[in-house]
N, C-alpha and C. Protein backbone atom coordinates (compact mmCIF):
# COMPACT_ATOMS: atom_id res chain seq x y z
N MET A 1 45.75 4.98 22.22
CA MET A 1 45.17 4.48 23.45
C MET A 1 46.15 3.51 24.11
N THR A 2 46.01 3.37 25.39
CA THR A 2 46.84 2.43 26.16
C THR A 2 45.99 1.20 26.46
N LEU A 3 46.55 0.03 26.16
CA LEU A 3 45.87 -1.24 26.42
C LEU A 3 46.75 -2.14 27.28
N ASP A 4 46.13 -2.85 28.19
CA ASP A 4 46.81 -3.92 28.91
C ASP A 4 46.55 -5.20 28.13
N LEU A 5 47.62 -5.90 27.77
CA LEU A 5 47.51 -7.18 27.08
C LEU A 5 47.83 -8.28 28.06
N VAL A 6 47.05 -9.36 28.00
CA VAL A 6 47.24 -10.50 28.88
C VAL A 6 47.37 -11.74 28.00
N TYR A 7 48.39 -12.55 28.29
CA TYR A 7 48.66 -13.75 27.50
C TYR A 7 48.54 -14.97 28.40
N PHE A 8 47.87 -16.01 27.90
CA PHE A 8 47.68 -17.24 28.66
C PHE A 8 48.26 -18.44 27.93
N ALA A 9 48.63 -19.46 28.71
CA ALA A 9 49.06 -20.78 28.22
C ALA A 9 50.23 -20.64 27.24
N TRP A 10 50.16 -21.32 26.09
CA TRP A 10 51.30 -21.32 25.18
C TRP A 10 51.53 -19.95 24.53
N VAL A 11 50.53 -19.09 24.51
CA VAL A 11 50.74 -17.73 23.99
C VAL A 11 51.75 -17.02 24.90
N ARG A 12 51.55 -17.14 26.20
CA ARG A 12 52.47 -16.56 27.19
C ARG A 12 53.88 -17.15 27.02
N GLU A 13 53.93 -18.46 26.82
CA GLU A 13 55.24 -19.12 26.68
C GLU A 13 55.98 -18.63 25.44
N ARG A 14 55.29 -18.49 24.31
CA ARG A 14 55.95 -18.04 23.08
C ARG A 14 56.39 -16.59 23.16
N ILE A 15 55.59 -15.75 23.80
CA ILE A 15 55.95 -14.34 23.90
C ILE A 15 56.96 -14.12 25.02
N GLY A 16 56.90 -14.94 26.05
CA GLY A 16 57.85 -14.82 27.15
C GLY A 16 57.42 -13.84 28.23
N ALA A 17 56.13 -13.55 28.28
CA ALA A 17 55.60 -12.63 29.29
C ALA A 17 54.13 -12.95 29.52
N ALA A 18 53.67 -12.69 30.74
CA ALA A 18 52.25 -12.92 31.06
C ALA A 18 51.39 -11.76 30.58
N GLY A 19 52.00 -10.62 30.33
CA GLY A 19 51.25 -9.47 29.86
C GLY A 19 52.14 -8.27 29.69
N GLU A 20 51.55 -7.21 29.16
CA GLU A 20 52.28 -5.96 28.96
C GLU A 20 51.28 -4.84 28.69
N ARG A 21 51.77 -3.64 28.78
CA ARG A 21 50.97 -2.46 28.45
C ARG A 21 51.53 -1.89 27.15
N VAL A 22 50.64 -1.61 26.19
CA VAL A 22 51.06 -1.10 24.89
C VAL A 22 50.28 0.16 24.53
N GLU A 23 50.91 0.97 23.72
CA GLU A 23 50.25 2.12 23.09
C GLU A 23 49.91 1.70 21.67
N THR A 24 48.67 1.93 21.26
CA THR A 24 48.25 1.54 19.92
C THR A 24 47.16 2.47 19.42
N GLN A 25 47.04 2.53 18.13
CA GLN A 25 45.93 3.22 17.48
C GLN A 25 45.10 2.21 16.69
N ALA A 26 45.33 0.92 16.93
CA ALA A 26 44.62 -0.14 16.20
C ALA A 26 43.12 -0.03 16.45
N PRO A 27 42.33 -0.06 15.38
CA PRO A 27 40.87 0.05 15.55
C PRO A 27 40.20 -1.27 15.95
N THR A 28 40.87 -2.40 15.68
CA THR A 28 40.29 -3.72 15.98
C THR A 28 41.35 -4.62 16.60
N VAL A 29 40.90 -5.74 17.15
CA VAL A 29 41.83 -6.73 17.69
C VAL A 29 42.75 -7.24 16.57
N ALA A 30 42.20 -7.49 15.38
CA ALA A 30 43.01 -7.98 14.26
C ALA A 30 44.13 -6.99 13.91
N ALA A 31 43.82 -5.72 13.90
CA ALA A 31 44.84 -4.71 13.61
C ALA A 31 45.91 -4.68 14.71
N LEU A 32 45.49 -4.86 15.95
CA LEU A 32 46.44 -4.94 17.06
C LEU A 32 47.36 -6.14 16.87
N VAL A 33 46.80 -7.28 16.50
CA VAL A 33 47.60 -8.48 16.26
C VAL A 33 48.63 -8.22 15.17
N GLU A 34 48.24 -7.53 14.10
CA GLU A 34 49.20 -7.22 13.03
C GLU A 34 50.35 -6.34 13.56
N GLU A 35 50.02 -5.37 14.40
CA GLU A 35 51.08 -4.55 15.01
C GLU A 35 52.02 -5.41 15.85
N LEU A 36 51.46 -6.32 16.63
CA LEU A 36 52.28 -7.18 17.47
C LEU A 36 53.15 -8.11 16.64
N ARG A 37 52.57 -8.71 15.60
CA ARG A 37 53.34 -9.60 14.72
C ARG A 37 54.56 -8.90 14.13
N ALA A 38 54.40 -7.62 13.82
CA ALA A 38 55.49 -6.87 13.19
C ALA A 38 56.60 -6.50 14.17
N ARG A 39 56.34 -6.62 15.47
CA ARG A 39 57.33 -6.23 16.48
C ARG A 39 58.59 -7.08 16.41
N GLU A 40 58.41 -8.39 16.48
CA GLU A 40 59.55 -9.31 16.47
C GLU A 40 59.06 -10.74 16.33
N GLU A 41 59.99 -11.64 16.16
CA GLU A 41 59.67 -13.04 15.83
C GLU A 41 58.82 -13.74 16.88
N ARG A 42 59.04 -13.47 18.14
CA ARG A 42 58.26 -14.18 19.17
C ARG A 42 56.77 -13.87 19.06
N TYR A 43 56.43 -12.64 18.70
CA TYR A 43 55.02 -12.29 18.49
C TYR A 43 54.49 -12.92 17.21
N ALA A 44 55.30 -12.91 16.17
CA ALA A 44 54.90 -13.54 14.91
C ALA A 44 54.60 -15.02 15.14
N ALA A 45 55.41 -15.68 15.96
CA ALA A 45 55.18 -17.10 16.25
C ALA A 45 53.91 -17.30 17.07
N ALA A 46 53.68 -16.44 18.05
CA ALA A 46 52.51 -16.59 18.91
C ALA A 46 51.21 -16.34 18.16
N PHE A 47 51.24 -15.43 17.19
CA PHE A 47 50.03 -15.05 16.46
C PHE A 47 50.02 -15.57 15.02
N ALA A 48 50.78 -16.61 14.74
CA ALA A 48 50.88 -17.15 13.39
C ALA A 48 49.56 -17.73 12.89
N ASP A 49 48.81 -18.38 13.76
CA ASP A 49 47.57 -19.05 13.35
C ASP A 49 46.42 -18.58 14.24
N LEU A 50 45.69 -17.60 13.77
CA LEU A 50 44.60 -17.05 14.59
C LEU A 50 43.47 -18.04 14.82
N SER A 51 43.37 -19.07 13.97
CA SER A 51 42.32 -20.07 14.19
C SER A 51 42.60 -20.89 15.45
N ALA A 52 43.84 -20.83 15.96
CA ALA A 52 44.22 -21.55 17.17
C ALA A 52 44.16 -20.65 18.40
N LEU A 53 43.59 -19.45 18.24
CA LEU A 53 43.55 -18.49 19.34
C LEU A 53 42.14 -17.97 19.56
N ARG A 54 41.90 -17.53 20.77
CA ARG A 54 40.68 -16.81 21.12
C ARG A 54 41.12 -15.52 21.79
N CYS A 55 40.21 -14.56 21.85
CA CYS A 55 40.54 -13.30 22.51
C CYS A 55 39.34 -12.81 23.31
N ALA A 56 39.63 -11.95 24.24
CA ALA A 56 38.61 -11.30 25.04
C ALA A 56 38.97 -9.82 25.14
N VAL A 57 37.97 -8.98 25.02
CA VAL A 57 38.14 -7.55 25.17
C VAL A 57 37.42 -7.15 26.45
N ASP A 58 38.16 -6.59 27.37
CA ASP A 58 37.62 -6.22 28.68
C ASP A 58 36.85 -7.38 29.32
N GLN A 59 37.47 -8.56 29.26
CA GLN A 59 36.99 -9.79 29.89
C GLN A 59 35.70 -10.34 29.30
N GLU A 60 35.40 -9.95 28.05
CA GLU A 60 34.26 -10.50 27.32
C GLU A 60 34.80 -11.17 26.06
N LEU A 61 34.44 -12.44 25.83
CA LEU A 61 34.88 -13.11 24.61
C LEU A 61 34.52 -12.26 23.40
N ALA A 62 35.45 -12.21 22.45
CA ALA A 62 35.26 -11.35 21.28
C ALA A 62 35.86 -12.02 20.05
N ASP A 63 35.44 -11.54 18.89
CA ASP A 63 36.04 -11.95 17.63
C ASP A 63 37.22 -11.04 17.34
N PHE A 64 38.07 -11.45 16.41
CA PHE A 64 39.23 -10.64 16.09
C PHE A 64 38.86 -9.35 15.35
N ASP A 65 37.64 -9.26 14.83
CA ASP A 65 37.21 -8.02 14.20
C ASP A 65 36.54 -7.07 15.20
N ALA A 66 36.59 -7.41 16.49
CA ALA A 66 35.98 -6.57 17.53
C ALA A 66 36.69 -5.22 17.61
N PRO A 67 35.93 -4.14 17.75
CA PRO A 67 36.54 -2.81 17.89
C PRO A 67 37.22 -2.64 19.25
N LEU A 68 38.25 -1.82 19.25
CA LEU A 68 39.00 -1.56 20.48
C LEU A 68 38.69 -0.20 21.08
N ASP A 69 37.86 0.59 20.45
CA ASP A 69 37.54 1.92 20.94
C ASP A 69 36.99 1.84 22.37
N GLY A 70 37.67 2.48 23.29
CA GLY A 70 37.25 2.48 24.68
C GLY A 70 37.71 1.27 25.48
N ALA A 71 38.36 0.30 24.85
CA ALA A 71 38.81 -0.90 25.56
C ALA A 71 40.00 -0.57 26.46
N ARG A 72 40.13 -1.38 27.51
CA ARG A 72 41.27 -1.22 28.43
C ARG A 72 42.16 -2.46 28.47
N GLU A 73 41.58 -3.64 28.13
CA GLU A 73 42.34 -4.89 28.23
C GLU A 73 41.96 -5.82 27.09
N VAL A 74 42.98 -6.50 26.55
CA VAL A 74 42.76 -7.56 25.55
C VAL A 74 43.55 -8.77 26.02
N ALA A 75 42.88 -9.91 26.06
CA ALA A 75 43.52 -11.15 26.48
C ALA A 75 43.53 -12.12 25.29
N PHE A 76 44.61 -12.89 25.20
CA PHE A 76 44.76 -13.90 24.15
C PHE A 76 45.01 -15.25 24.79
N PHE A 77 44.35 -16.29 24.30
CA PHE A 77 44.46 -17.62 24.89
C PHE A 77 44.03 -18.67 23.88
N PRO A 78 44.45 -19.92 24.08
CA PRO A 78 44.01 -21.01 23.22
C PRO A 78 42.54 -21.33 23.51
N PRO A 79 41.88 -22.02 22.58
CA PRO A 79 40.49 -22.41 22.84
C PRO A 79 40.38 -23.21 24.13
N MET A 80 39.28 -22.99 24.82
CA MET A 80 39.05 -23.71 26.08
C MET A 80 38.37 -25.04 25.78
N THR A 81 38.68 -26.02 26.61
CA THR A 81 38.03 -27.31 26.45
C THR A 81 37.31 -27.65 27.75
N GLY A 82 36.27 -28.41 27.63
CA GLY A 82 35.52 -28.82 28.82
C GLY A 82 36.04 -30.12 29.36
N GLY A 83 35.53 -30.51 30.50
CA GLY A 83 35.98 -31.79 30.99
C GLY A 83 35.73 -32.00 32.43
């Protein structure tokens, strides 16, 4: 499947891009993250600590065990704070 990935804040800075389109067969967000980590060091650095990240699948907040079947977009960002 083809997914649009969107990166925000320091995730974008570590990867060096605001987003990209990828081909994957990953069944879950966690499996997608493992594929990305294996690509190169900048992805490994961005996804080193999943407890410091949140994700959304098709603009809905999701857990990393969320399925990707039928998804079109996955976004990664640091936890949001109020204020």
